[in-house]
C-alpha cells in the first residue's frame, strides 16, 4: 500500500494531524500544523455556516506563507464535520465552489449509517474525489459499518483516552488499533478495496505516544489535547491554564454528558459523551445539586471569563484527554509537530515541569 504521506505530499512521516476541535481549531492553527509537515484540520463541527469564511482565511494565510510541496489542485488542510448536527447542503455548496478543495474531510458522529453514506458520497462528488474521506471510529463494529457505508480513504481510530467527544464504549489504543487494522484488512481484501491509512487518536501527547501508535499498526496520529497548548489555538487563557495544570488524566478526567447539558450542546447520538477535566460543575452534578442551580452557577462562571476556570471553584468545561498531564508548555504549533516527530528534544524532568506550571509543594 502506498504511504499515507503520498496523499499529502507536503507532509513528513509519521503523519501528524491536528484534530478538528470545535471553535478552537481555526485557520492559523491548521496552517501552522500543515506548514510543519503535518495536516491541520479546520473545525466546521455542527455549524458549517462559517466554513467558507474559514477556508478563505486559510487561503489568505497560504498566499502569504506558502507551504512547500503542497499540490496545486487541493488546499493543504482538512475540514472536520460533526455529522449529526451539520448541514450537508451548506457543506456541499461551500466545497463545490472551490477550485482547490481541502485535501481531507473528517466525518464524525453520524446519527445513522445512511447519514454517513450520504456525506461521503456527496462530498466526494462535490470535490471530484480530491478531498479524501477520513472517518472516525471507536470500535471494530464502527469500522466495519464505516467501511460498508463510506469506504473511507483513512480510518481515524479513536481510543477511550481521547478528550472531547467520543463513545463511552471503547477500548484503549493498545488493543483497539491492531484489532481494527486486522478486521478492516480482512473485509477490504474481500471487497478489493484498500484503505490508504490508519490514524490513531486518544491519549497521545508526545513522541513516545506517536512511536507506540506506529508500533501498533497506525500510519500516523491525530492530537487534540496537545494542540490546546499551541500558541495559534483559539482558546481562552483560563482553559489553556487549566490544561497546563492538570495531571493524572486517567483519574482527573471523565467522559460524561454533564458538560453538554450545562452548556446546552445536546443532541449527540446515543452512546457519546465528552471527556473533560473533573471540576466543581461535575462534582455538584453527581452530588445532588439541582440541575437548575448548577446551570445558574455555570452561566455565572461563563460570564466571568477566565475566572470561570479558577482553581478551587472551576466550573467551565475543560475538554481534554487522559494525556493532559503530559502537556506542560504553550508552544508554537509547528514546534509541537516537530517534537512529536522527535526533531526537537524535550526535557521531561520533574523540576522542569514544576517551573513550567509554577507548581509549589
Protein backbone atom coordinates (compact mmCIF):
# COMPACT_ATOMS: atom_id res chain seq x y z
CA UNK A 1 0.00 0.00 0.00
CA UNK A 2 1.24 3.47 -0.89
CA UNK A 3 2.27 5.54 2.12
CA UNK A 4 -0.39 7.86 3.51
CA UNK A 5 2.03 10.76 3.12
CA UNK A 6 1.84 10.21 -0.66
CA UNK A 7 -1.74 11.50 -0.43
CA UNK A 8 -0.40 14.67 1.15
CA UNK A 9 2.98 15.40 -0.48
CA UNK A 10 3.82 18.34 1.80
CA UNK A 11 3.73 16.04 4.85
CA UNK A 12 6.52 14.15 6.56
CA UNK A 13 6.22 10.67 8.04
CA UNK A 14 4.92 9.86 10.53
CA UNK A 15 1.82 11.86 9.67
CA UNK A 16 0.82 14.25 12.45
CA UNK A 17 -2.73 15.61 12.27
CA UNK A 18 -4.28 18.35 14.34
CA UNK A 19 -7.74 17.22 15.38
CA UNK A 20 -10.66 19.47 14.35
CA UNK A 21 -11.56 20.84 17.79
CA UNK A 22 -14.81 22.79 17.64
CA UNK A 23 -14.26 26.57 17.99
CA UNK A 24 -10.54 26.03 18.73
CA UNK A 25 -9.00 24.70 15.50
CA UNK A 26 -9.06 27.76 13.27
CA UNK A 27 -7.14 28.77 10.14
CA UNK A 28 -3.97 29.90 11.98
CA UNK A 29 -3.61 26.62 13.87
CA UNK A 30 -4.38 24.50 10.81
CA UNK A 31 -1.89 26.42 8.67
CA UNK A 32 0.87 26.16 11.27
CA UNK A 33 0.44 22.38 11.57
CA UNK A 34 0.42 21.85 7.81
CA UNK A 35 3.40 24.19 7.33
CA UNK A 36 5.39 21.99 9.72
CA UNK A 37 4.77 18.89 7.61
CA UNK A 38 1.60 17.71 9.30
CA UNK A 39 -2.01 18.21 8.30
CA UNK A 40 -4.12 20.71 10.16
CA UNK A 41 -7.90 20.42 10.28
CA UNK A 42 -10.37 23.27 10.41
CA UNK A 43 -13.26 22.55 12.74
CA UNK A 44 -16.57 23.01 10.98
CA UNK A 45 -18.23 20.93 13.70
CA UNK A 46 -22.02 21.15 13.69
CA UNK A 47 -22.14 24.75 12.45
CA UNK A 48 -20.93 24.90 8.86
CA UNK A 49 -22.11 28.48 8.32
CA UNK A 50 -18.56 29.81 8.75
CA UNK A 51 -16.88 27.11 6.65
CA UNK A 52 -16.46 29.25 3.52
CA UNK A 53 -15.09 32.11 5.61
CA UNK A 54 -12.56 29.87 7.38
CA UNK A 55 -11.41 28.31 4.12
CA UNK A 56 -10.94 31.79 2.66
CA UNK A 57 -8.91 32.80 5.72
CA UNK A 58 -6.75 29.70 5.32
CA UNK A 59 -6.16 30.54 1.64
CA UNK A 60 -5.05 34.03 2.65
CA UNK A 61 -2.55 32.59 5.11
CA UNK A 62 -1.36 30.19 2.44
CA UNK A 63 -0.85 33.02 -0.04
CA UNK A 64 1.19 34.96 2.50
CA UNK A 65 3.14 31.89 3.61
CA UNK A 66 3.12 29.08 1.01
CA UNK A 67 3.61 25.50 2.15
CA UNK A 68 6.43 23.72 0.37
CA UNK A 69 5.33 20.61 -1.51
CA UNK A 70 1.64 21.42 -1.42
CA UNK A 71 -0.13 20.36 -4.63
CA UNK A 72 -1.85 22.94 -6.81
CA UNK A 73 -5.25 21.23 -7.02
CA UNK A 74 -6.09 20.98 -3.29
CA UNK A 75 -5.60 23.07 -0.17
CA UNK A 76 -3.09 21.54 2.26
CA UNK A 77 -5.66 21.37 5.03
CA UNK A 78 -8.57 19.25 6.20
CA UNK A 79 -12.08 20.05 7.45
CA UNK A 80 -13.81 18.19 10.26
CA UNK A 81 -17.59 17.74 10.37
CA UNK A 82 -19.80 16.52 13.25
CA UNK A 83 -22.45 14.91 11.09
CA UNK A 84 -25.47 14.66 13.39
CA UNK A 85 -25.76 18.44 13.67
CA UNK A 86 -24.20 19.69 10.42
CA UNK A 87 -26.00 20.80 7.26
CA UNK A 88 -24.84 18.68 4.33
CA UNK A 89 -26.28 21.05 1.72
CA UNK A 90 -24.31 24.00 3.12
CA UNK A 91 -21.13 21.92 3.29
CA UNK A 92 -21.54 20.69 -0.29
CA UNK A 93 -22.14 24.23 -1.54
CA UNK A 94 -19.05 25.58 0.24
CA UNK A 95 -16.77 22.83 -1.06
CA UNK A 96 -18.16 22.59 -4.59
CA UNK A 97 -17.46 26.29 -5.17
CA UNK A 98 -13.75 25.82 -4.52
CA UNK A 99 -11.34 25.22 -7.38
CA UNK A 100 -8.98 23.89 -4.71
CA UNK A 101 -10.95 21.89 -2.13
CA UNK A 102 -9.43 20.78 1.18
CA UNK A 103 -7.19 17.73 0.92
CA UNK A 104 -9.22 15.82 3.51
CA UNK A 105 -12.62 15.81 5.17
CA UNK A 106 -13.05 14.18 8.59
CA UNK A 107 -16.51 12.70 9.26
CA UNK A 108 -17.57 12.04 12.85
CA UNK A 109 -20.65 11.04 14.87
CA UNK A 110 -23.32 10.33 12.25
CA UNK A 111 -26.85 9.88 13.52
CA UNK A 112 -27.22 6.86 11.22
CA UNK A 113 -25.31 4.73 8.75
CA UNK A 114 -27.36 6.29 5.97
CA UNK A 115 -26.21 9.75 7.00
CA UNK A 116 -22.56 8.69 6.87
CA UNK A 117 -23.11 7.17 3.43
CA UNK A 118 -24.75 10.36 2.14
CA UNK A 119 -22.00 12.63 3.43
CA UNK A 120 -19.21 10.51 1.96
CA UNK A 121 -20.93 10.20 -1.41
CA UNK A 122 -21.89 13.87 -1.77
CA UNK A 123 -18.57 15.27 -0.58
CA UNK A 124 -16.70 13.04 -3.00
CA UNK A 125 -18.91 14.33 -5.79
CA UNK A 126 -18.60 17.97 -4.68
CA UNK A 127 -14.80 17.81 -4.63
CA UNK A 128 -14.38 15.43 -7.59
CA UNK A 129 -12.82 13.00 -5.09
CA UNK A 130 -9.95 15.40 -4.45
CA UNK A 131 -10.88 15.59 -0.76
CA UNK A 132 -10.03 12.23 0.76
CA UNK A 133 -12.56 10.87 3.23
CA UNK A 134 -11.47 10.33 6.85
CA UNK A 135 -13.98 8.58 9.12
CA UNK A 136 -13.58 8.50 12.89
CA UNK A 137 -14.47 5.20 14.55
CA UNK A 138 -14.17 3.83 18.09
CA UNK A 139 -14.71 0.09 17.73
CA UNK A 140 -14.36 -2.77 15.28
CA UNK A 141 -18.12 -2.65 14.68
CA UNK A 142 -17.85 1.08 13.89
CA UNK A 143 -15.02 0.37 11.45
CA UNK A 144 -16.89 -2.31 9.55
CA UNK A 145 -20.00 -0.14 9.39
CA UNK A 146 -17.94 2.78 8.09
CA UNK A 147 -16.25 0.51 5.56
CA UNK A 148 -19.58 -0.66 4.18
CA UNK A 149 -21.16 2.81 4.12
CA UNK A 150 -18.33 5.06 3.03
CA UNK A 151 -15.18 3.12 2.08
CA UNK A 152 -13.02 5.67 3.91
CA UNK A 153 -9.67 6.57 2.47
CA UNK A 154 -8.44 6.94 6.04
CA UNK A 155 -9.72 5.49 9.30
CA UNK A 156 -9.29 7.64 12.42
CA UNK A 157 -9.19 5.15 15.28
CA UNK A 158 -10.25 6.99 18.44
CA UNK A 159 -9.42 5.24 21.70
CA UNK A 160 -11.08 5.61 25.08
CA UNK A 161 -8.43 8.08 26.31
CA UNK A 162 -9.40 10.77 23.81
CA UNK A 163 -10.54 14.15 25.02
CA UNK A 164 -13.71 15.83 23.82
CA UNK A 165 -16.47 13.71 22.37
CA UNK A 166 -16.30 10.00 21.71
CA UNK A 167 -18.07 6.78 22.54
CA UNK A 168 -18.48 5.62 26.11
CA UNK A 169 -17.92 2.06 24.91
CA UNK A 170 -14.39 1.93 23.50
CA UNK A 171 -11.04 0.32 24.17
CA UNK A 172 -7.65 1.92 24.61
CA UNK A 173 -5.44 2.25 21.55
CA UNK A 174 -3.13 -0.59 22.59
CA UNK A 175 -5.81 -3.16 21.71
CA UNK A 176 -8.12 -1.12 19.50
CA UNK A 177 -5.63 -0.15 16.77
CA UNK A 178 -4.36 -3.64 15.90
CA UNK A 179 -7.82 -5.20 16.09
CA UNK A 180 -9.37 -2.57 13.82
CA UNK A 181 -6.48 -2.75 11.34
CA UNK A 182 -6.72 -6.55 11.19
CA UNK A 183 -10.51 -6.55 10.81
CA UNK A 184 -10.60 -3.88 8.10
CA UNK A 185 -7.86 -5.62 6.14
CA UNK A 186 -9.93 -8.82 6.08
CA UNK A 187 -13.09 -7.06 4.91
CA UNK A 188 -11.20 -4.82 2.50
CA UNK A 189 -9.43 -7.78 0.96
CA UNK A 190 -12.73 -9.48 0.25
CA UNK A 191 -14.10 -6.33 -1.37
CA UNK A 192 -10.97 -5.47 -3.33
CA UNK A 193 -10.69 -2.16 -1.50
CA UNK A 194 -7.56 -0.80 0.16
CA UNK A 195 -7.69 1.99 2.77
CA UNK A 196 -4.88 4.50 2.44
CA UNK A 197 -4.11 4.72 6.13
CA UNK A 198 -4.97 4.40 9.80
CA UNK A 199 -4.65 7.33 12.19
CA UNK A 200 -4.56 6.72 15.95
CA UNK A 201 -6.16 9.26 18.30
CA UNK A 202 -6.61 9.36 22.05
CA UNK A 203 -4.15 9.99 24.87
CA UNK A 204 -1.16 10.76 22.63
CA UNK A 205 0.79 13.79 23.82
CA UNK A 206 4.43 13.28 22.91
CA UNK A 207 6.91 11.39 20.74
CA UNK A 208 6.63 8.28 22.90
CA UNK A 209 2.90 8.07 22.22
CA UNK A 210 3.50 8.55 18.50
CA UNK A 211 6.04 5.72 18.43
CA UNK A 212 3.67 3.45 20.35
CA UNK A 213 0.86 4.13 17.87
CA UNK A 214 3.13 3.32 14.94
CA UNK A 215 4.19 0.08 16.60
CA UNK A 216 0.51 -0.88 16.95
CA UNK A 217 -0.05 -0.53 13.20
CA UNK A 218 -1.10 3.09 12.76
CA UNK A 219 0.32 5.19 9.93
CA UNK A 220 0.08 8.42 11.87
CA UNK A 221 -1.61 10.13 14.79
CA UNK A 222 -4.15 12.86 15.45
CA UNK A 223 -3.93 15.03 18.54
CA UNK A 224 -6.31 17.46 20.13
CA UNK A 225 -5.28 17.97 23.75
CA UNK A 226 -1.64 18.70 22.92
CA UNK A 227 -2.68 21.42 20.48
CA UNK A 228 -4.80 23.11 23.14
CA UNK A 229 -1.43 24.44 24.29
CA UNK A 230 -0.47 25.76 20.86
CA UNK A 231 0.05 29.49 20.54
CA UNK A 232 -2.23 29.52 17.50
CA UNK A 233 -5.19 27.79 19.20
CA UNK A 234 -8.35 29.87 19.59
CA UNK A 235 -8.73 29.27 23.32
CA UNK A 236 -9.42 31.23 26.49
CA UNK A 237 -6.39 31.72 28.74
CA UNK A 238 -8.31 30.15 31.63
CA UNK A 239 -8.97 27.00 29.61
CA UNK A 240 -5.36 26.79 28.48
CA UNK A 241 -4.03 27.32 32.01
CA UNK A 242 -6.35 24.59 33.32
CA UNK A 243 -4.90 22.19 30.75
CA UNK A 244 -1.33 23.05 31.78
CA UNK A 245 -2.11 22.50 35.47
CA UNK A 246 -3.99 19.21 35.04
CA UNK A 247 -2.29 15.92 35.86
CA UNK A 248 -3.04 12.21 36.19
CA UNK A 249 -5.56 12.33 33.39
CA UNK A 250 -6.86 8.82 33.89
CA UNK A 251 -8.16 9.87 37.29
CA UNK A 252 -8.87 13.55 36.82
CA UNK A 253 -10.79 13.46 33.54
CA UNK A 254 -14.13 11.80 32.88
CA UNK A 255 -16.34 11.05 29.87
CA UNK A 256 -19.78 12.41 30.67
CA UNK A 257 -22.77 14.33 29.32
CA UNK A 258 -22.79 16.72 32.29
CA UNK A 259 -20.90 19.47 30.47
CA UNK A 260 -23.06 19.19 27.35
CA UNK A 261 -26.20 19.59 29.42
CA UNK A 262 -24.83 22.60 31.28
CA UNK A 263 -23.62 24.25 28.05
CA UNK A 264 -26.70 23.37 26.04
CA UNK A 265 -24.71 21.46 23.41
CA UNK A 266 -27.05 18.49 23.39
CA UNK A 267 -28.21 16.34 20.51
CA UNK A 268 -25.35 13.87 20.34
CA UNK A 269 -26.25 10.34 19.21
CA UNK A 270 -26.82 7.82 21.95
CA UNK A 271 -23.58 6.46 23.38
CA UNK A 272 -21.48 9.63 23.02
CA UNK A 273 -20.07 11.79 25.80
CA UNK A 274 -17.35 14.40 26.23
CA UNK A 275 -14.16 13.70 28.19
CA UNK A 276 -13.06 16.67 30.23
CA UNK A 277 -11.25 17.62 33.42
CA UNK A 278 -13.34 16.93 36.52
CA UNK A 279 -14.33 20.24 38.14
CA UNK A 280 -16.88 21.67 40.53
CA UNK A 281 -19.67 21.54 37.94
CA UNK A 282 -19.25 17.78 37.61
CA UNK A 283 -18.81 17.23 41.34
CA UNK A 284 -22.00 19.16 42.09
CA UNK A 285 -23.94 17.35 39.34
CA UNK A 286 -23.04 13.97 40.83
CA UNK A 287 -23.51 15.09 44.45
CA UNK A 288 -27.17 16.02 44.24
CA UNK A 289 -27.17 19.72 43.32
CA UNK A 290 -30.25 20.51 41.25
CA UNK A 291 -29.72 20.92 37.54
CA UNK A 292 -31.27 24.40 37.55
CA UNK A 293 -28.91 25.59 40.27
CA UNK A 294 -25.91 24.02 38.54
CA UNK A 295 -26.80 25.76 35.27
CA UNK A 296 -27.15 29.05 37.12
CA UNK A 297 -23.67 28.66 38.61
CA UNK A 298 -22.25 27.58 35.24
CA UNK A 299 -23.70 30.62 33.47
CA UNK A 300 -22.23 32.86 36.16
CA UNK A 301 -18.81 31.27 35.62
CA UNK A 302 -19.20 31.67 31.87
CA UNK A 303 -19.87 35.35 32.33
CA UNK A 304 -16.75 35.69 34.48
CA UNK A 305 -14.44 34.89 31.57
CA UNK A 306 -11.10 33.36 32.53
CA UNK A 307 -12.12 33.34 36.20
CA UNK A 308 -14.53 30.54 35.37
CA UNK A 309 -11.52 28.21 35.43
CA UNK A 310 -10.08 29.46 38.72
CA UNK A 311 -8.68 26.76 40.96
CA UNK A 312 -10.85 25.88 43.91
CA UNK A 313 -14.13 26.69 42.15
CA UNK A 314 -13.54 25.87 38.47
CA UNK A 315 -16.83 25.34 36.65
CA UNK A 316 -16.12 25.91 32.97
CA UNK A 317 -15.79 22.91 30.65
CA UNK A 318 -12.20 21.82 30.03
CA UNK A 319 -12.36 19.09 27.41
CA UNK A 320 -9.08 17.15 27.44
CA UNK A 321 -7.86 13.58 27.11
CA UNK A 322 -6.05 11.40 29.63
CA UNK A 323 -2.71 12.55 28.20
CA UNK A 324 -3.33 16.04 29.58
CA UNK A 325 -0.76 15.54 32.33
CA UNK A 326 1.99 15.48 29.70
CA UNK A 327 1.03 18.91 28.35
CA UNK A 328 3.03 21.48 30.29
CA UNK A 329 4.07 24.28 27.94
CA UNK A 330 2.42 26.63 25.46
CA UNK A 331 4.38 26.27 22.23
CA UNK A 332 4.09 27.17 18.56
CA UNK A 333 2.11 24.50 16.74
CA UNK A 334 4.94 23.90 14.29
CA UNK A 335 7.31 23.14 17.14
CA UNK A 336 4.77 20.72 18.63
CA UNK A 337 4.69 18.83 15.32
CA UNK A 338 8.48 18.68 15.30
CA UNK A 339 8.56 17.48 18.93
CA UNK A 340 6.12 14.71 18.09
CA UNK A 341 8.37 13.53 15.26
CA UNK A 342 11.43 13.64 17.53
CA UNK A 343 13.03 16.55 15.69
CA UNK A 344 13.17 18.62 18.88
CA UNK A 345 14.40 17.09 22.14
CA UNK A 346 12.05 17.84 25.04
CA UNK A 347 13.24 17.77 28.65
CA UNK A 348 10.84 15.78 30.79
CA UNK A 349 12.38 16.13 34.25
CA UNK A 350 10.14 16.77 37.24
CA UNK A 351 11.94 20.02 38.03
CA UNK A 352 11.39 21.41 34.53
CA UNK A 353 7.68 20.62 34.75
CA UNK A 354 7.45 22.34 38.14
CA UNK A 355 8.97 25.50 36.72
CA UNK A 356 6.79 25.47 33.62
CA UNK A 357 3.48 25.45 35.53
CA UNK A 358 4.69 27.16 38.73
CA UNK A 359 3.68 24.26 40.95
CA UNK A 360 4.50 24.59 44.64
CA UNK A 361 4.77 21.79 47.15
